[in-house]
């Protein structure tokens, strides 16, 4: 099947998202002679639509929505590839692995920044029409899901514990008329005000070495991409195709100090603070001594609060094919 597949989340973003989707689809029909369009109707539906699309052999599968929509689409495609044995095998008659595209109309836009795609639907369409396919790393994560069972999930951008998960939870109740960056900043301040610094146990693997340590932290961000939280430049050194993860740890001597310095993360200046640290790894496991305490530590998984500690995350190099600006 040679037509691209667009998977549209009509519930994403602000109140203007509906108008943006209408304009987008009009442009899509002009760009592509033959195109398939599917709409999501609940959480997890984008994953199922992408899984079916990959099996059907669509060469380009485009997520229209926010970072969470793209994350679901990526997981659907990767699940189909895992079952088919890609690379090297084909499913549904497809000669090659499908490429993924993104039209970002959500509130965060962090993955768009990581991929080098400008704001607005025209920039996204330009990347689809004139861009190149790039093989990116992903994070294979295992964590406790919302129902209590173990979830395995491919993370494209960032997975974090602590503050990030609380921000996602608060953003779920933010009114749609609030601009994305304003909403995320307010949610970050609210999360910082109620969160606690926890002694996180970490098992870290990198270049054949393993170490274990206990890390006092409000936030542990495991990064494949650079931005999260609606424009926070959490890992300025991160490259999504270098075969490693960047871990940023935010601690604080006092709660007022933490609140005063939240803004520095948007500017990428937080790494200059003595309470913030960074290291690279290929695999990391995070846990607490008490399992009930772990349930309180929510995870931000590509912009969605999908679970809690314990967490194991490892890099899978060049696993996802994504269309980006040339």
C-alpha atoms as a PDB file:
ATOM      1  CA  UNK A   1       0.000   0.000   0.000  1.00  0.00           C
ATOM      2  CA  UNK A   2       1.670   3.228  -1.170  1.00  0.00           C
ATOM      3  CA  UNK A   3      -0.589   5.844   0.450  1.00  0.00           C
ATOM      4  CA  UNK A   4       0.459   7.660   3.626  1.00  0.00           C
ATOM      5  CA  UNK A   5      -1.655   7.168   6.740  1.00  0.00           C
ATOM      6  CA  UNK A   6      -2.594  10.142   8.940  1.00  0.00           C
ATOM      7  CA  UNK A   7      -3.701   9.276  12.485  1.00  0.00           C
ATOM      8  CA  UNK A   8      -5.538  12.266  13.917  1.00  0.00           C
ATOM      9  CA  UNK A   9      -6.228  12.922  17.591  1.00  0.00           C
ATOM     10  CA  UNK A  10      -9.173  15.368  17.498  1.00  0.00           C
ATOM     11  CA  UNK A  11      -9.080  15.870  21.285  1.00  0.00           C
ATOM     12  CA  UNK A  12      -5.525  17.188  21.531  1.00  0.00           C
ATOM     13  CA  UNK A  13      -4.299  20.681  22.197  1.00  0.00           C
ATOM     14  CA  UNK A  14      -6.247  23.873  22.772  1.00  0.00           C
ATOM     15  CA  UNK A  15      -9.649  25.004  21.516  1.00  0.00           C
ATOM     16  CA  UNK A  16      -7.987  26.077  18.264  1.00  0.00           C
ATOM     17  CA  UNK A  17      -6.933  22.496  17.494  1.00  0.00           C
ATOM     18  CA  UNK A  18     -10.166  21.744  15.627  1.00  0.00           C
ATOM     19  CA  UNK A  19      -9.592  24.620  13.208  1.00  0.00           C
ATOM     20  CA  UNK A  20      -5.971  23.556  12.746  1.00  0.00           C
ATOM     21  CA  UNK A  21      -7.006  19.996  11.913  1.00  0.00           C
ATOM     22  CA  UNK A  22      -9.515  21.224   9.339  1.00  0.00           C
ATOM     23  CA  UNK A  23      -6.887  23.389   7.622  1.00  0.00           C
ATOM     24  CA  UNK A  24      -4.329  20.603   7.827  1.00  0.00           C
ATOM     25  CA  UNK A  25      -6.518  17.980   6.179  1.00  0.00           C
ATOM     26  CA  UNK A  26      -7.386  20.369   3.358  1.00  0.00           C
ATOM     27  CA  UNK A  27      -3.648  20.832   2.718  1.00  0.00           C
ATOM     28  CA  UNK A  28      -2.987  17.090   2.984  1.00  0.00           C
ATOM     29  CA  UNK A  29      -5.488  16.302   0.237  1.00  0.00           C
ATOM     30  CA  UNK A  30      -3.708  18.787  -2.016  1.00  0.00           C
ATOM     31  CA  UNK A  31      -0.280  17.321  -1.257  1.00  0.00           C
ATOM     32  CA  UNK A  32      -1.128  13.644  -1.639  1.00  0.00           C
ATOM     33  CA  UNK A  33      -3.131  12.109  -4.449  1.00  0.00           C
ATOM     34  CA  UNK A  34      -4.067   9.171  -2.246  1.00  0.00           C
ATOM     35  CA  UNK A  35      -4.132   9.369   1.533  1.00  0.00           C
ATOM     36  CA  UNK A  36      -5.740   7.412   4.376  1.00  0.00           C
ATOM     37  CA  UNK A  37      -7.045   9.293   7.415  1.00  0.00           C
ATOM     38  CA  UNK A  38      -8.087   7.699  10.698  1.00  0.00           C
ATOM     39  CA  UNK A  39      -9.351   9.394  13.879  1.00  0.00           C
ATOM     40  CA  UNK A  40      -8.678   8.299  17.445  1.00  0.00           C
ATOM     41  CA  UNK A  41     -11.515   8.040  19.934  1.00  0.00           C
ATOM     42  CA  UNK A  42      -9.780   7.127  23.209  1.00  0.00           C
ATOM     43  CA  UNK A  43      -6.407   6.719  24.903  1.00  0.00           C
ATOM     44  CA  UNK A  44      -4.465   3.897  23.238  1.00  0.00           C
ATOM     45  CA  UNK A  45      -6.421   4.017  19.978  1.00  0.00           C
ATOM     46  CA  UNK A  46      -3.553   5.692  18.073  1.00  0.00           C
ATOM     47  CA  UNK A  47      -1.320   2.739  18.948  1.00  0.00           C
ATOM     48  CA  UNK A  48      -3.829   0.254  17.526  1.00  0.00           C
ATOM     49  CA  UNK A  49      -4.358   2.306  14.360  1.00  0.00           C
ATOM     50  CA  UNK A  50      -0.595   2.584  13.816  1.00  0.00           C
ATOM     51  CA  UNK A  51      -0.123  -1.139  14.422  1.00  0.00           C
ATOM     52  CA  UNK A  52      -2.735  -1.922  11.775  1.00  0.00           C
ATOM     53  CA  UNK A  53      -1.255   0.682   9.425  1.00  0.00           C
ATOM     54  CA  UNK A  54       2.225  -0.786   9.679  1.00  0.00           C
ATOM     55  CA  UNK A  55       0.871  -4.268   9.045  1.00  0.00           C
ATOM     56  CA  UNK A  56      -1.024  -2.955   6.005  1.00  0.00           C
ATOM     57  CA  UNK A  57       2.197  -1.567   4.546  1.00  0.00           C
ATOM     58  CA  UNK A  58       1.694   2.205   4.674  1.00  0.00           C
ATOM     59  CA  UNK A  59       5.164   3.664   3.922  1.00  0.00           C
ATOM     60  CA  UNK A  60       4.526   6.844   5.947  1.00  0.00           C
ATOM     61  CA  UNK A  61       2.442   7.001   9.126  1.00  0.00           C
ATOM     62  CA  UNK A  62       1.832  10.499  10.463  1.00  0.00           C
ATOM     63  CA  UNK A  63       0.717  11.361  13.984  1.00  0.00           C
ATOM     64  CA  UNK A  64      -1.466  14.474  14.108  1.00  0.00           C
ATOM     65  CA  UNK A  65      -1.605  15.607  17.722  1.00  0.00           C
ATOM     66  CA  UNK A  66       0.701  16.046  20.658  1.00  0.00           C
ATOM     67  CA  UNK A  67       3.731  14.177  21.944  1.00  0.00           C
ATOM     68  CA  UNK A  68       1.504  11.543  23.532  1.00  0.00           C
ATOM     69  CA  UNK A  69      -0.185  10.830  20.206  1.00  0.00           C
ATOM     70  CA  UNK A  70       3.181  10.409  18.489  1.00  0.00           C
ATOM     71  CA  UNK A  71       4.351   8.136  21.312  1.00  0.00           C
ATOM     72  CA  UNK A  72       1.327   5.881  20.826  1.00  0.00           C
ATOM     73  CA  UNK A  73       1.846   5.809  17.047  1.00  0.00           C
ATOM     74  CA  UNK A  74       5.523   4.948  17.507  1.00  0.00           C
ATOM     75  CA  UNK A  75       4.640   2.092  19.860  1.00  0.00           C
ATOM     76  CA  UNK A  76       2.087   0.696  17.423  1.00  0.00           C
ATOM     77  CA  UNK A  77       4.598   0.725  14.573  1.00  0.00           C
ATOM     78  CA  UNK A  78       7.393  -0.733  16.691  1.00  0.00           C
ATOM     79  CA  UNK A  79       5.120  -3.488  17.998  1.00  0.00           C
ATOM     80  CA  UNK A  80       4.288  -4.438  14.408  1.00  0.00           C
ATOM     81  CA  UNK A  81       7.985  -4.386  13.506  1.00  0.00           C
ATOM     82  CA  UNK A  82       8.903  -6.524  16.524  1.00  0.00           C
ATOM     83  CA  UNK A  83       6.336  -9.132  15.532  1.00  0.00           C
ATOM     84  CA  UNK A  84       7.470  -9.066  11.902  1.00  0.00           C
ATOM     85  CA  UNK A  85      11.162  -9.282  12.749  1.00  0.00           C
ATOM     86  CA  UNK A  86      12.171  -5.951  11.213  1.00  0.00           C
ATOM     87  CA  UNK A  87      14.715  -4.982  10.039  1.00  0.00           C
ATOM     88  CA  UNK A  88      15.304  -7.674   7.443  1.00  0.00           C
ATOM     89  CA  UNK A  89      11.732  -8.971   7.236  1.00  0.00           C
ATOM     90  CA  UNK A  90       8.567  -7.434   5.871  1.00  0.00           C
ATOM     91  CA  UNK A  91       4.953  -7.516   6.952  1.00  0.00           C
ATOM     92  CA  UNK A  92       1.826  -6.994   4.934  1.00  0.00           C
ATOM     93  CA  UNK A  93       3.815  -6.867   1.719  1.00  0.00           C
ATOM     94  CA  UNK A  94       5.780  -3.755   2.752  1.00  0.00           C
ATOM     95  CA  UNK A  95       9.266  -3.640   1.256  1.00  0.00           C
ATOM     96  CA  UNK A  96      10.694  -1.387   3.978  1.00  0.00           C
ATOM     97  CA  UNK A  97      10.019  -0.219   7.486  1.00  0.00           C
ATOM     98  CA  UNK A  98       7.538   2.675   7.550  1.00  0.00           C
ATOM     99  CA  UNK A  99       8.684   6.182   8.354  1.00  0.00           C
ATOM    100  CA  UNK A 100       6.855   8.167  11.025  1.00  0.00           C
ATOM    101  CA  UNK A 101       5.864  11.801  10.648  1.00  0.00           C
ATOM    102  CA  UNK A 102       4.595  14.368  13.117  1.00  0.00           C
ATOM    103  CA  UNK A 103       2.166  17.236  12.725  1.00  0.00           C
ATOM    104  CA  UNK A 104       2.389  18.835  16.154  1.00  0.00           C
ATOM    105  CA  UNK A 105      -0.818  20.522  17.343  1.00  0.00           C
ATOM    106  CA  UNK A 106      -0.641  19.546  21.008  1.00  0.00           C
ATOM    107  CA  UNK A 107       0.069  21.736  24.027  1.00  0.00           C
ATOM    108  CA  UNK A 108       3.704  20.742  24.631  1.00  0.00           C
ATOM    109  CA  UNK A 109       5.528  20.494  21.302  1.00  0.00           C
ATOM    110  CA  UNK A 110       8.671  19.065  22.904  1.00  0.00           C
ATOM    111  CA  UNK A 111       9.206  16.268  20.401  1.00  0.00           C
ATOM    112  CA  UNK A 112       8.749  18.749  17.560  1.00  0.00           C
ATOM    113  CA  UNK A 113      11.650  20.750  18.984  1.00  0.00           C
ATOM    114  CA  UNK A 114      13.791  17.630  19.343  1.00  0.00           C
ATOM    115  CA  UNK A 115      13.135  16.727  15.690  1.00  0.00           C
ATOM    116  CA  UNK A 116      13.986  20.243  14.509  1.00  0.00           C
ATOM    117  CA  UNK A 117      10.482  20.934  13.181  1.00  0.00           C
ATOM    118  CA  UNK A 118       9.273  24.515  13.453  1.00  0.00           C
ATOM    119  CA  UNK A 119       5.943  25.564  14.984  1.00  0.00           C
ATOM    120  CA  UNK A 120       2.753  25.513  12.944  1.00  0.00           C
ATOM    121  CA  UNK A 121       1.270  23.012  10.516  1.00  0.00           C
ATOM    122  CA  UNK A 122       3.104  24.466   7.507  1.00  0.00           C
ATOM    123  CA  UNK A 123       6.475  23.605   9.046  1.00  0.00           C
ATOM    124  CA  UNK A 124       5.247  20.084   9.777  1.00  0.00           C
ATOM    125  CA  UNK A 125       3.965  19.621   6.223  1.00  0.00           C
ATOM    126  CA  UNK A 126       7.239  20.921   4.817  1.00  0.00           C
ATOM    127  CA  UNK A 127       9.120  18.281   6.826  1.00  0.00           C
ATOM    128  CA  UNK A 128       6.787  15.580   5.500  1.00  0.00           C
ATOM    129  CA  UNK A 129       7.021  16.669   1.879  1.00  0.00           C
ATOM    130  CA  UNK A 130      10.684  17.663   1.611  1.00  0.00           C
ATOM    131  CA  UNK A 131      12.323  16.057   4.631  1.00  0.00           C
ATOM    132  CA  UNK A 132      14.560  13.014   5.023  1.00  0.00           C
ATOM    133  CA  UNK A 133      14.043   9.753   6.905  1.00  0.00           C
ATOM    134  CA  UNK A 134      16.323   9.490   9.933  1.00  0.00           C
ATOM    135  CA  UNK A 135      16.798   6.456  12.161  1.00  0.00           C
ATOM    136  CA  UNK A 136      16.537   7.531  15.797  1.00  0.00           C
ATOM    137  CA  UNK A 137      17.203   5.826  19.097  1.00  0.00           C
ATOM    138  CA  UNK A 138      14.349   4.991  21.452  1.00  0.00           C
ATOM    139  CA  UNK A 139      14.180   4.112  25.131  1.00  0.00           C
ATOM    140  CA  UNK A 140      12.773   0.716  26.001  1.00  0.00           C
ATOM    141  CA  UNK A 141      11.129   1.250  29.399  1.00  0.00           C
ATOM    142  CA  UNK A 142       9.481  -1.041  31.921  1.00  0.00           C
ATOM    143  CA  UNK A 143       7.504   0.472  34.807  1.00  0.00           C
ATOM    144  CA  UNK A 144       4.456  -0.003  36.990  1.00  0.00           C
ATOM    145  CA  UNK A 145       1.369   0.959  34.979  1.00  0.00           C
ATOM    146  CA  UNK A 146      -1.722   2.737  36.227  1.00  0.00           C
ATOM    147  CA  UNK A 147      -3.444  -0.571  36.958  1.00  0.00           C
ATOM    148  CA  UNK A 148      -0.464  -1.873  38.925  1.00  0.00           C
ATOM    149  CA  UNK A 149       0.942  -4.326  36.374  1.00  0.00           C
ATOM    150  CA  UNK A 150       4.244  -4.027  34.550  1.00  0.00           C
ATOM    151  CA  UNK A 151       4.139  -1.995  31.324  1.00  0.00           C
ATOM    152  CA  UNK A 152       6.702  -2.171  28.531  1.00  0.00           C
ATOM    153  CA  UNK A 153       6.789   0.992  26.424  1.00  0.00           C
ATOM    154  CA  UNK A 154       9.043   2.564  23.816  1.00  0.00           C
ATOM    155  CA  UNK A 155       9.842   6.163  24.784  1.00  0.00           C
ATOM    156  CA  UNK A 156      10.841   8.492  21.968  1.00  0.00           C
ATOM    157  CA  UNK A 157      11.772  11.638  23.858  1.00  0.00           C
ATOM    158  CA  UNK A 158      11.967  11.707  27.683  1.00  0.00           C
ATOM    159  CA  UNK A 159      10.811   9.604  30.614  1.00  0.00           C
ATOM    160  CA  UNK A 160      11.125  11.150  34.063  1.00  0.00           C
ATOM    161  CA  UNK A 161      10.160  10.397  37.636  1.00  0.00           C
ATOM    162  CA  UNK A 162       8.944  12.818  40.275  1.00  0.00           C
ATOM    163  CA  UNK A 163       8.040  16.348  39.197  1.00  0.00           C
ATOM    164  CA  UNK A 164       7.417  15.417  35.558  1.00  0.00           C
ATOM    165  CA  UNK A 165       4.641  12.956  36.311  1.00  0.00           C
ATOM    166  CA  UNK A 166       2.905  15.449  38.594  1.00  0.00           C
ATOM    167  CA  UNK A 167       3.092  18.106  35.885  1.00  0.00           C
ATOM    168  CA  UNK A 168       1.362  15.712  33.465  1.00  0.00           C
ATOM    169  CA  UNK A 169      -1.345  14.971  36.031  1.00  0.00           C
ATOM    170  CA  UNK A 170      -2.011  18.680  36.588  1.00  0.00           C
ATOM    171  CA  UNK A 171      -1.996  19.403  32.851  1.00  0.00           C
ATOM    172  CA  UNK A 172      -4.825  16.897  32.393  1.00  0.00           C
ATOM    173  CA  UNK A 173      -7.114  19.278  34.308  1.00  0.00           C
ATOM    174  CA  UNK A 174      -5.806  22.527  32.785  1.00  0.00           C
ATOM    175  CA  UNK A 175      -8.534  24.347  30.790  1.00  0.00           C
ATOM    176  CA  UNK A 176      -8.083  24.188  27.018  1.00  0.00           C
ATOM    177  CA  UNK A 177      -8.021  27.989  26.667  1.00  0.00           C
ATOM    178  CA  UNK A 178      -4.745  28.226  28.631  1.00  0.00           C
ATOM    179  CA  UNK A 179      -1.719  28.466  26.278  1.00  0.00           C
ATOM    180  CA  UNK A 180       0.504  25.389  26.433  1.00  0.00           C
ATOM    181  CA  UNK A 181       3.665  26.984  27.816  1.00  0.00           C
ATOM    182  CA  UNK A 182       1.729  28.986  30.427  1.00  0.00           C
ATOM    183  CA  UNK A 183      -0.129  25.865  31.502  1.00  0.00           C
ATOM    184  CA  UNK A 184       3.034  23.795  31.800  1.00  0.00           C
ATOM    185  CA  UNK A 185       4.844  26.488  33.798  1.00  0.00           C
ATOM    186  CA  UNK A 186       1.926  26.824  36.207  1.00  0.00           C
ATOM    187  CA  UNK A 187       1.732  23.034  36.531  1.00  0.00           C
ATOM    188  CA  UNK A 188       5.491  22.864  37.188  1.00  0.00           C
ATOM    189  CA  UNK A 189       5.226  25.410  40.006  1.00  0.00           C
ATOM    190  CA  UNK A 190       2.269  23.565  41.489  1.00  0.00           C
ATOM    191  CA  UNK A 191       4.104  20.233  41.277  1.00  0.00           C
ATOM    192  CA  UNK A 192       7.238  21.691  42.858  1.00  0.00           C
ATOM    193  CA  UNK A 193       5.182  23.113  45.729  1.00  0.00           C
ATOM    194  CA  UNK A 194       3.660  19.752  46.719  1.00  0.00           C
ATOM    195  CA  UNK A 195       6.401  17.286  45.761  1.00  0.00           C
ATOM    196  CA  UNK A 196       9.066  15.864  48.056  1.00  0.00           C
ATOM    197  CA  UNK A 197      12.690  14.996  47.537  1.00  0.00           C
ATOM    198  CA  UNK A 198      13.080  11.213  47.537  1.00  0.00           C
ATOM    199  CA  UNK A 199      16.138   8.953  47.989  1.00  0.00           C
ATOM    200  CA  UNK A 200      16.019   7.194  44.623  1.00  0.00           C
ATOM    201  CA  UNK A 201      18.078   4.028  44.251  1.00  0.00           C
ATOM    202  CA  UNK A 202      19.770   3.867  40.868  1.00  0.00           C
ATOM    203  CA  UNK A 203      21.594   1.086  39.072  1.00  0.00           C
ATOM    204  CA  UNK A 204      23.511   2.631  36.166  1.00  0.00           C
ATOM    205  CA  UNK A 205      25.193   0.879  33.238  1.00  0.00           C
ATOM    206  CA  UNK A 206      27.453   2.525  30.674  1.00  0.00           C
ATOM    207  CA  UNK A 207      30.265   1.278  28.430  1.00  0.00           C
ATOM    208  CA  UNK A 208      30.583  -2.032  30.270  1.00  0.00           C
ATOM    209  CA  UNK A 209      30.650  -0.552  33.783  1.00  0.00           C
ATOM    210  CA  UNK A 210      27.896  -0.808  36.402  1.00  0.00           C
ATOM    211  CA  UNK A 211      27.463   1.243  39.545  1.00  0.00           C
ATOM    212  CA  UNK A 212      24.785   1.633  42.184  1.00  0.00           C
ATOM    213  CA  UNK A 213      24.007   4.752  44.192  1.00  0.00           C
ATOM    214  CA  UNK A 214      21.242   6.487  46.094  1.00  0.00           C
ATOM    215  CA  UNK A 215      20.272   9.843  44.591  1.00  0.00           C
ATOM    216  CA  UNK A 216      18.260  12.458  46.522  1.00  0.00           C
ATOM    217  CA  UNK A 217      16.022  13.943  43.837  1.00  0.00           C
ATOM    218  CA  UNK A 218      12.873  15.858  43.060  1.00  0.00           C
ATOM    219  CA  UNK A 219      13.266  14.859  39.426  1.00  0.00           C
ATOM    220  CA  UNK A 220      15.209  12.207  37.515  1.00  0.00           C
ATOM    221  CA  UNK A 221      14.880  12.761  33.766  1.00  0.00           C
ATOM    222  CA  UNK A 222      16.087  10.001  31.429  1.00  0.00           C
ATOM    223  CA  UNK A 223      16.481  11.727  28.087  1.00  0.00           C
ATOM    224  CA  UNK A 224      16.764  10.628  24.501  1.00  0.00           C
ATOM    225  CA  UNK A 225      15.613  14.068  23.342  1.00  0.00           C
ATOM    226  CA  UNK A 226      16.384  17.509  24.622  1.00  0.00           C
ATOM    227  CA  UNK A 227      13.089  19.151  25.659  1.00  0.00           C
ATOM    228  CA  UNK A 228      10.176  18.190  27.883  1.00  0.00           C
ATOM    229  CA  UNK A 229       7.489  19.830  30.025  1.00  0.00           C
ATOM    230  CA  UNK A 230       6.283  22.299  27.401  1.00  0.00           C
ATOM    231  CA  UNK A 231       9.639  23.790  26.406  1.00  0.00           C
ATOM    232  CA  UNK A 232      11.974  22.952  29.290  1.00  0.00           C
ATOM    233  CA  UNK A 233      15.497  22.541  27.877  1.00  0.00           C
ATOM    234  CA  UNK A 234      16.202  19.747  30.328  1.00  0.00           C
ATOM    235  CA  UNK A 235      19.069  17.992  28.463  1.00  0.00           C
ATOM    236  CA  UNK A 236      20.855  20.417  26.112  1.00  0.00           C
ATOM    237  CA  UNK A 237      23.488  17.788  25.349  1.00  0.00           C
ATOM    238  CA  UNK A 238      21.009  15.098  24.233  1.00  0.00           C
ATOM    239  CA  UNK A 239      21.135  13.767  20.668  1.00  0.00           C
ATOM    240  CA  UNK A 240      18.425  11.261  19.704  1.00  0.00           C
ATOM    241  CA  UNK A 241      20.726   9.135  17.536  1.00  0.00           C
ATOM    242  CA  UNK A 242      23.987   8.883  19.507  1.00  0.00           C
ATOM    243  CA  UNK A 243      23.285   5.528  21.179  1.00  0.00           C
ATOM    244  CA  UNK A 244      23.200   6.808  24.756  1.00  0.00           C
ATOM    245  CA  UNK A 245      20.847   8.303  27.321  1.00  0.00           C
ATOM    246  CA  UNK A 246      21.377  11.559  29.189  1.00  0.00           C
ATOM    247  CA  UNK A 247      20.194  11.546  32.809  1.00  0.00           C
ATOM    248  CA  UNK A 248      19.517  14.858  34.547  1.00  0.00           C
ATOM    249  CA  UNK A 249      18.896  14.897  38.296  1.00  0.00           C
ATOM    250  CA  UNK A 250      17.287  17.862  40.024  1.00  0.00           C
ATOM    251  CA  UNK A 251      17.764  18.104  43.783  1.00  0.00           C
ATOM    252  CA  UNK A 252      17.340  21.130  46.020  1.00  0.00           C
ATOM    253  CA  UNK A 253      18.492  22.207  49.487  1.00  0.00           C
ATOM    254  CA  UNK A 254      15.118  23.874  50.195  1.00  0.00           C
ATOM    255  CA  UNK A 255      11.652  24.100  48.628  1.00  0.00           C
ATOM    256  CA  UNK A 256      11.901  27.910  48.063  1.00  0.00           C
ATOM    257  CA  UNK A 257      15.215  27.348  46.234  1.00  0.00           C
ATOM    258  CA  UNK A 258      13.524  24.807  43.970  1.00  0.00           C
ATOM    259  CA  UNK A 259      10.608  27.146  43.201  1.00  0.00           C
ATOM    260  CA  UNK A 260      12.926  30.059  42.428  1.00  0.00           C
ATOM    261  CA  UNK A 261      14.947  28.026  39.948  1.00  0.00           C
ATOM    262  CA  UNK A 262      12.187  26.238  37.993  1.00  0.00           C
ATOM    263  CA  UNK A 263      12.442  28.909  35.290  1.00  0.00           C
ATOM    264  CA  UNK A 264      16.132  28.130  34.692  1.00  0.00           C
ATOM    265  CA  UNK A 265      15.182  24.770  33.143  1.00  0.00           C
ATOM    266  CA  UNK A 266      13.375  26.549  30.287  1.00  0.00           C
ATOM    267  CA  UNK A 267      16.617  28.376  29.495  1.00  0.00           C
ATOM    268  CA  UNK A 268      18.858  25.323  29.840  1.00  0.00           C
ATOM    269  CA  UNK A 269      20.756  27.058  32.654  1.00  0.00           C
ATOM    270  CA  UNK A 270      19.782  24.629  35.410  1.00  0.00           C
ATOM    271  CA  UNK A 271      22.933  22.553  34.839  1.00  0.00           C
ATOM    272  CA  UNK A 272      24.940  25.456  36.281  1.00  0.00           C
ATOM    273  CA  UNK A 273      23.210  24.994  39.640  1.00  0.00           C
ATOM    274  CA  UNK A 274      25.137  22.966  42.253  1.00  0.00           C
ATOM    275  CA  UNK A 275      21.988  20.983  43.067  1.00  0.00           C
ATOM    276  CA  UNK A 276      21.591  19.695  39.485  1.00  0.00           C
ATOM    277  CA  UNK A 277      23.734  16.886  38.074  1.00  0.00           C
ATOM    278  CA  UNK A 278      24.050  14.970  34.811  1.00  0.00           C
ATOM    279  CA  UNK A 279      25.557  11.732  33.517  1.00  0.00           C
ATOM    280  CA  UNK A 280      25.297   9.517  30.432  1.00  0.00           C
ATOM    281  CA  UNK A 281      24.305   5.854  30.454  1.00  0.00           C
ATOM    282  CA  UNK A 282      22.994   3.040  28.299  1.00  0.00           C
ATOM    283  CA  UNK A 283      20.685   1.579  30.945  1.00  0.00           C
ATOM    284  CA  UNK A 284      19.308   2.743  34.286  1.00  0.00           C
ATOM    285  CA  UNK A 285      17.010   1.221  36.901  1.00  0.00           C
ATOM    286  CA  UNK A 286      15.240   3.459  39.448  1.00  0.00           C
ATOM    287  CA  UNK A 287      13.422   2.335  42.590  1.00  0.00           C
ATOM    288  CA  UNK A 288      12.633   3.192  46.207  1.00  0.00           C
ATOM    289  CA  UNK A 289      12.923   1.006  49.282  1.00  0.00           C
ATOM    290  CA  UNK A 290       9.163   0.977  49.870  1.00  0.00           C
ATOM    291  CA  UNK A 291       6.763  -0.191  47.148  1.00  0.00           C
ATOM    292  CA  UNK A 292       3.942   2.039  48.441  1.00  0.00           C
ATOM    293  CA  UNK A 293       6.235   5.061  48.199  1.00  0.00           C
ATOM    294  CA  UNK A 294       7.043   4.018  44.627  1.00  0.00           C
ATOM    295  CA  UNK A 295       3.379   4.261  43.671  1.00  0.00           C
ATOM    296  CA  UNK A 296       3.406   7.940  44.661  1.00  0.00           C
ATOM    297  CA  UNK A 297       6.304   8.761  42.328  1.00  0.00           C
ATOM    298  CA  UNK A 298       4.589   9.315  38.996  1.00  0.00           C
ATOM    299  CA  UNK A 299       6.342   8.987  35.657  1.00  0.00           C
ATOM    300  CA  UNK A 300       6.185  11.437  32.772  1.00  0.00           C
ATOM    301  CA  UNK A 301       6.300   9.214  29.660  1.00  0.00           C
ATOM    302  CA  UNK A 302       6.598  11.342  26.511  1.00  0.00           C
ATOM    303  CA  UNK A 303       4.237  13.882  28.022  1.00  0.00           C
ATOM    304  CA  UNK A 304       1.734  11.510  29.637  1.00  0.00           C
ATOM    305  CA  UNK A 305       1.465  10.220  33.218  1.00  0.00           C
ATOM    306  CA  UNK A 306       1.370   6.516  32.366  1.00  0.00           C
ATOM    307  CA  UNK A 307       2.637   4.935  35.568  1.00  0.00           C
ATOM    308  CA  UNK A 308       5.037   5.047  38.484  1.00  0.00           C
ATOM    309  CA  UNK A 309       8.259   3.599  39.851  1.00  0.00           C
ATOM    310  CA  UNK A 310      10.007   1.180  39.695  1.00  0.00           C
ATOM    311  CA  UNK A 311      11.477   1.997  36.285  1.00  0.00           C
ATOM    312  CA  UNK A 312      14.027   0.327  34.046  1.00  0.00           C
ATOM    313  CA  UNK A 313      15.101   2.200  30.916  1.00  0.00           C
ATOM    314  CA  UNK A 314      17.630   1.258  28.240  1.00  0.00           C
ATOM    315  CA  UNK A 315      18.581   2.773  24.919  1.00  0.00           C
ATOM    316  CA  UNK A 316      17.785   0.902  21.700  1.00  0.00           C
ATOM    317  CA  UNK A 317      19.945   2.482  18.989  1.00  0.00           C
ATOM    318  CA  UNK A 318      18.539   3.555  15.606  1.00  0.00           C
ATOM    319  CA  UNK A 319      15.253   1.758  16.201  1.00  0.00           C
ATOM    320  CA  UNK A 320      12.681   4.236  14.855  1.00  0.00           C
ATOM    321  CA  UNK A 321      12.543   5.757  11.381  1.00  0.00           C
ATOM    322  CA  UNK A 322      11.263   9.346  11.518  1.00  0.00           C
ATOM    323  CA  UNK A 323      10.828  11.977   8.792  1.00  0.00           C
ATOM    324  CA  UNK A 324      12.478  15.251   9.743  1.00  0.00           C
ATOM    325  CA  UNK A 325      13.642  18.441   8.065  1.00  0.00           C
ATOM    326  CA  UNK A 326      16.448  17.892   5.568  1.00  0.00           C
END
